[in-house]
Amino acid sequence: MTIMEMLSQSGVISLLGMGFVFLFLAILVVVVSLFGRVFHSENPQKAAMVSAVQTGSGLINGNDAQITAAIATAVNEYQRKE
């Protein structure tokens, strides 16, 4: 086997490997998006809450002082343990 034959064979094997990986990732994207649509339509209230949290809209209205106090308490507890 000459060096050119070996290089061409390794190139074909590399392209086949990359093709299989690309195909697997494309199938994975399709499956994940399908599952997302199924679960999104299955529970619209939960999906609305998740999208509200992702967009940063005010899911927590008026509890900001309580949340700040809870976070401050947790930080103080953590610092006391160290």
N, C-alpha and C. Protein backbone atom coordinates (compact mmCIF):
# COMPACT_ATOMS: atom_id res chain seq x y z
N MET A 1 0.84 -1.17 0.00
CA MET A 1 0.00 0.00 0.00
C MET A 1 0.89 1.25 0.00
N THR A 2 0.64 2.17 -0.90
CA THR A 2 1.45 3.38 -0.96
C THR A 2 0.91 4.42 0.01
N ILE A 3 1.71 5.46 0.18
CA ILE A 3 1.32 6.52 1.11
C ILE A 3 0.06 7.24 0.62
N MET A 4 -0.09 7.40 -0.69
CA MET A 4 -1.27 8.07 -1.24
C MET A 4 -2.54 7.23 -1.01
N GLU A 5 -2.42 5.93 -1.15
CA GLU A 5 -3.58 5.07 -0.88
C GLU A 5 -3.97 5.12 0.59
N MET A 6 -2.95 5.14 1.45
CA MET A 6 -3.24 5.20 2.88
C MET A 6 -3.86 6.54 3.26
N LEU A 7 -3.39 7.63 2.66
CA LEU A 7 -3.97 8.94 2.94
C LEU A 7 -5.40 9.03 2.44
N SER A 8 -5.66 8.50 1.26
CA SER A 8 -7.02 8.56 0.74
C SER A 8 -7.96 7.68 1.57
N GLN A 9 -7.48 6.53 2.00
CA GLN A 9 -8.30 5.66 2.84
C GLN A 9 -8.58 6.32 4.20
N SER A 10 -7.58 6.96 4.78
CA SER A 10 -7.79 7.63 6.06
C SER A 10 -8.74 8.83 5.89
N GLY A 11 -8.67 9.50 4.76
CA GLY A 11 -9.59 10.60 4.50
C GLY A 11 -11.02 10.12 4.38
N VAL A 12 -11.23 9.01 3.70
CA VAL A 12 -12.58 8.44 3.56
C VAL A 12 -13.11 8.02 4.92
N ILE A 13 -12.26 7.37 5.72
CA ILE A 13 -12.69 6.94 7.05
C ILE A 13 -13.01 8.14 7.93
N SER A 14 -12.22 9.19 7.83
CA SER A 14 -12.48 10.41 8.61
C SER A 14 -13.80 11.04 8.20
N LEU A 15 -14.05 11.14 6.91
CA LEU A 15 -15.31 11.72 6.44
C LEU A 15 -16.51 10.87 6.86
N LEU A 16 -16.36 9.56 6.79
CA LEU A 16 -17.44 8.68 7.25
C LEU A 16 -17.71 8.87 8.74
N GLY A 17 -16.66 8.95 9.52
CA GLY A 17 -16.83 9.16 10.96
C GLY A 17 -17.51 10.48 11.27
N MET A 18 -17.07 11.54 10.61
CA MET A 18 -17.70 12.85 10.83
C MET A 18 -19.14 12.85 10.35
N GLY A 19 -19.42 12.12 9.28
CA GLY A 19 -20.79 12.02 8.79
C GLY A 19 -21.70 11.32 9.77
N PHE A 20 -21.20 10.24 10.36
CA PHE A 20 -22.00 9.53 11.37
C PHE A 20 -22.25 10.39 12.60
N VAL A 21 -21.25 11.11 13.05
CA VAL A 21 -21.41 12.00 14.20
C VAL A 21 -22.42 13.10 13.88
N PHE A 22 -22.32 13.69 12.69
CA PHE A 22 -23.26 14.73 12.30
C PHE A 22 -24.68 14.18 12.24
N LEU A 23 -24.84 13.00 11.67
CA LEU A 23 -26.16 12.37 11.58
C LEU A 23 -26.72 12.09 12.97
N PHE A 24 -25.90 11.58 13.87
CA PHE A 24 -26.34 11.32 15.24
C PHE A 24 -26.77 12.60 15.93
N LEU A 25 -25.98 13.67 15.79
CA LEU A 25 -26.33 14.94 16.43
C LEU A 25 -27.60 15.53 15.84
N ALA A 26 -27.80 15.39 14.53
CA ALA A 26 -29.03 15.90 13.91
C ALA A 26 -30.24 15.13 14.43
N ILE A 27 -30.12 13.82 14.54
CA ILE A 27 -31.22 13.02 15.09
C ILE A 27 -31.48 13.40 16.54
N LEU A 28 -30.42 13.64 17.30
CA LEU A 28 -30.57 14.03 18.70
C LEU A 28 -31.30 15.37 18.82
N VAL A 29 -30.98 16.32 17.97
CA VAL A 29 -31.67 17.62 17.99
C VAL A 29 -33.15 17.45 17.68
N VAL A 30 -33.47 16.63 16.69
CA VAL A 30 -34.87 16.40 16.33
C VAL A 30 -35.62 15.74 17.48
N VAL A 31 -35.02 14.73 18.10
CA VAL A 31 -35.69 14.03 19.19
C VAL A 31 -35.90 14.95 20.39
N VAL A 32 -34.90 15.74 20.74
CA VAL A 32 -35.04 16.65 21.87
C VAL A 32 -36.10 17.70 21.60
N SER A 33 -36.15 18.24 20.40
CA SER A 33 -37.17 19.24 20.09
C SER A 33 -38.57 18.62 20.08
N LEU A 34 -38.67 17.37 19.62
CA LEU A 34 -39.98 16.71 19.67
C LEU A 34 -40.43 16.48 21.10
N PHE A 35 -39.51 16.02 21.96
CA PHE A 35 -39.86 15.85 23.37
C PHE A 35 -40.24 17.18 24.00
N GLY A 36 -39.54 18.24 23.63
CA GLY A 36 -39.88 19.56 24.14
C GLY A 36 -41.28 19.98 23.75
N ARG A 37 -41.65 19.73 22.52
CA ARG A 37 -43.01 20.07 22.08
C ARG A 37 -44.05 19.22 22.78
N VAL A 38 -43.76 17.93 22.97
CA VAL A 38 -44.72 17.05 23.63
C VAL A 38 -44.94 17.49 25.07
N PHE A 39 -43.85 17.73 25.81
CA PHE A 39 -43.99 18.13 27.20
C PHE A 39 -44.50 19.55 27.33
N HIS A 40 -44.20 20.40 26.38
CA HIS A 40 -44.69 21.77 26.42
C HIS A 40 -46.20 21.81 26.24
N SER A 41 -46.72 21.01 25.34
CA SER A 41 -48.16 21.00 25.11
C SER A 41 -48.89 20.18 26.16
N GLU A 42 -48.19 19.26 26.85
CA GLU A 42 -48.83 18.42 27.84
C GLU A 42 -49.20 19.19 29.09
N ASN A 43 -48.38 20.13 29.50
CA ASN A 43 -48.61 20.89 30.72
C ASN A 43 -48.36 22.37 30.43
N PRO A 44 -49.36 23.06 29.87
CA PRO A 44 -49.12 24.45 29.45
C PRO A 44 -48.86 25.41 30.62
N GLN A 45 -49.43 25.14 31.79
CA GLN A 45 -49.20 26.04 32.92
C GLN A 45 -47.74 25.97 33.38
N LYS A 46 -47.22 24.76 33.48
CA LYS A 46 -45.81 24.61 33.87
C LYS A 46 -44.91 25.18 32.79
N ALA A 47 -45.25 24.98 31.54
CA ALA A 47 -44.44 25.52 30.45
C ALA A 47 -44.44 27.04 30.49
N ALA A 48 -45.56 27.64 30.84
CA ALA A 48 -45.62 29.10 30.94
C ALA A 48 -44.75 29.60 32.07
N MET A 49 -44.73 28.86 33.19
CA MET A 49 -43.88 29.25 34.30
C MET A 49 -42.42 29.13 33.94
N VAL A 50 -42.05 28.06 33.25
CA VAL A 50 -40.66 27.88 32.85
C VAL A 50 -40.24 28.98 31.88
N SER A 51 -41.09 29.32 30.93
CA SER A 51 -40.73 30.37 29.99
C SER A 51 -40.67 31.73 30.68
N ALA A 52 -41.51 31.94 31.71
CA ALA A 52 -41.46 33.19 32.45
C ALA A 52 -40.15 33.31 33.22
N VAL A 53 -39.70 32.21 33.79
CA VAL A 53 -38.43 32.23 34.52
C VAL A 53 -37.28 32.44 33.54
N GLN A 54 -37.34 31.80 32.36
CA GLN A 54 -36.26 31.92 31.39
C GLN A 54 -36.16 33.34 30.85
N THR A 55 -37.30 34.00 30.66
CA THR A 55 -37.26 35.36 30.12
C THR A 55 -37.00 36.39 31.19
N GLY A 56 -37.06 35.98 32.46
CA GLY A 56 -36.79 36.91 33.53
C GLY A 56 -37.97 37.79 33.87
N SER A 57 -39.16 37.45 33.42
CA SER A 57 -40.33 38.25 33.75
C SER A 57 -40.68 38.05 35.21
N GLY A 58 -41.48 38.94 35.72
CA GLY A 58 -41.76 38.96 37.15
C GLY A 58 -42.65 37.84 37.61
N LEU A 59 -42.10 36.68 37.82
CA LEU A 59 -42.88 35.58 38.38
C LEU A 59 -43.05 35.81 39.87
N ILE A 60 -42.11 36.51 40.47
CA ILE A 60 -42.16 36.80 41.89
C ILE A 60 -42.56 38.27 42.03
N ASN A 61 -43.80 38.53 42.33
CA ASN A 61 -44.29 39.90 42.46
C ASN A 61 -44.50 40.23 43.92
N GLY A 62 -43.83 41.12 44.51
CA GLY A 62 -44.11 41.54 45.87
C GLY A 62 -43.44 40.70 46.94
N ASN A 63 -42.76 39.65 46.61
CA ASN A 63 -42.06 38.83 47.60
C ASN A 63 -40.57 39.13 47.59
N ASP A 64 -40.18 40.23 46.97
CA ASP A 64 -38.76 40.54 46.84
C ASP A 64 -38.10 40.74 48.19
N ALA A 65 -38.78 41.39 49.14
CA ALA A 65 -38.20 41.62 50.46
C ALA A 65 -38.00 40.31 51.19
N GLN A 66 -38.96 39.40 51.07
CA GLN A 66 -38.84 38.11 51.74
C GLN A 66 -37.72 37.28 51.12
N ILE A 67 -37.61 37.33 49.82
CA ILE A 67 -36.56 36.58 49.13
C ILE A 67 -35.19 37.13 49.49
N THR A 68 -35.07 38.46 49.54
CA THR A 68 -33.81 39.07 49.92
C THR A 68 -33.42 38.69 51.34
N ALA A 69 -34.40 38.67 52.24
CA ALA A 69 -34.13 38.28 53.62
C ALA A 69 -33.71 36.82 53.70
N ALA A 70 -34.34 35.95 52.93
CA ALA A 70 -33.99 34.53 52.94
C ALA A 70 -32.58 34.31 52.40
N ILE A 71 -32.23 35.04 51.35
CA ILE A 71 -30.89 34.91 50.79
C ILE A 71 -29.85 35.43 51.78
N ALA A 72 -30.13 36.56 52.42
CA ALA A 72 -29.20 37.12 53.40
C ALA A 72 -29.01 36.16 54.57
N THR A 73 -30.09 35.54 55.02
CA THR A 73 -30.00 34.57 56.12
C THR A 73 -29.16 33.37 55.70
N ALA A 74 -29.37 32.88 54.51
CA ALA A 74 -28.61 31.73 54.03
C ALA A 74 -27.13 32.06 53.90
N VAL A 75 -26.80 33.25 53.42
CA VAL A 75 -25.40 33.65 53.30
C VAL A 75 -24.77 33.76 54.67
N ASN A 76 -25.50 34.35 55.63
CA ASN A 76 -24.96 34.46 56.99
C ASN A 76 -24.72 33.10 57.62
N GLU A 77 -25.64 32.18 57.44
CA GLU A 77 -25.47 30.82 57.97
C GLU A 77 -24.25 30.15 57.34
N TYR A 78 -24.08 30.33 56.06
CA TYR A 78 -22.95 29.73 55.36
C TYR A 78 -21.64 30.30 55.86
N GLN A 79 -21.60 31.60 56.07
CA GLN A 79 -20.37 32.26 56.53
C GLN A 79 -20.05 31.89 57.97
N ARG A 80 -21.06 31.64 58.79
CA ARG A 80 -20.81 31.25 60.19
C ARG A 80 -20.23 29.85 60.28
N LYS A 81 -20.57 28.97 59.33
CA LYS A 81 -20.08 27.61 59.37
C LYS A 81 -18.61 27.52 59.00
N GLU A 82 -18.11 28.49 58.29
CA GLU A 82 -16.70 28.45 57.85
C GLU A 82 -15.76 28.87 58.91
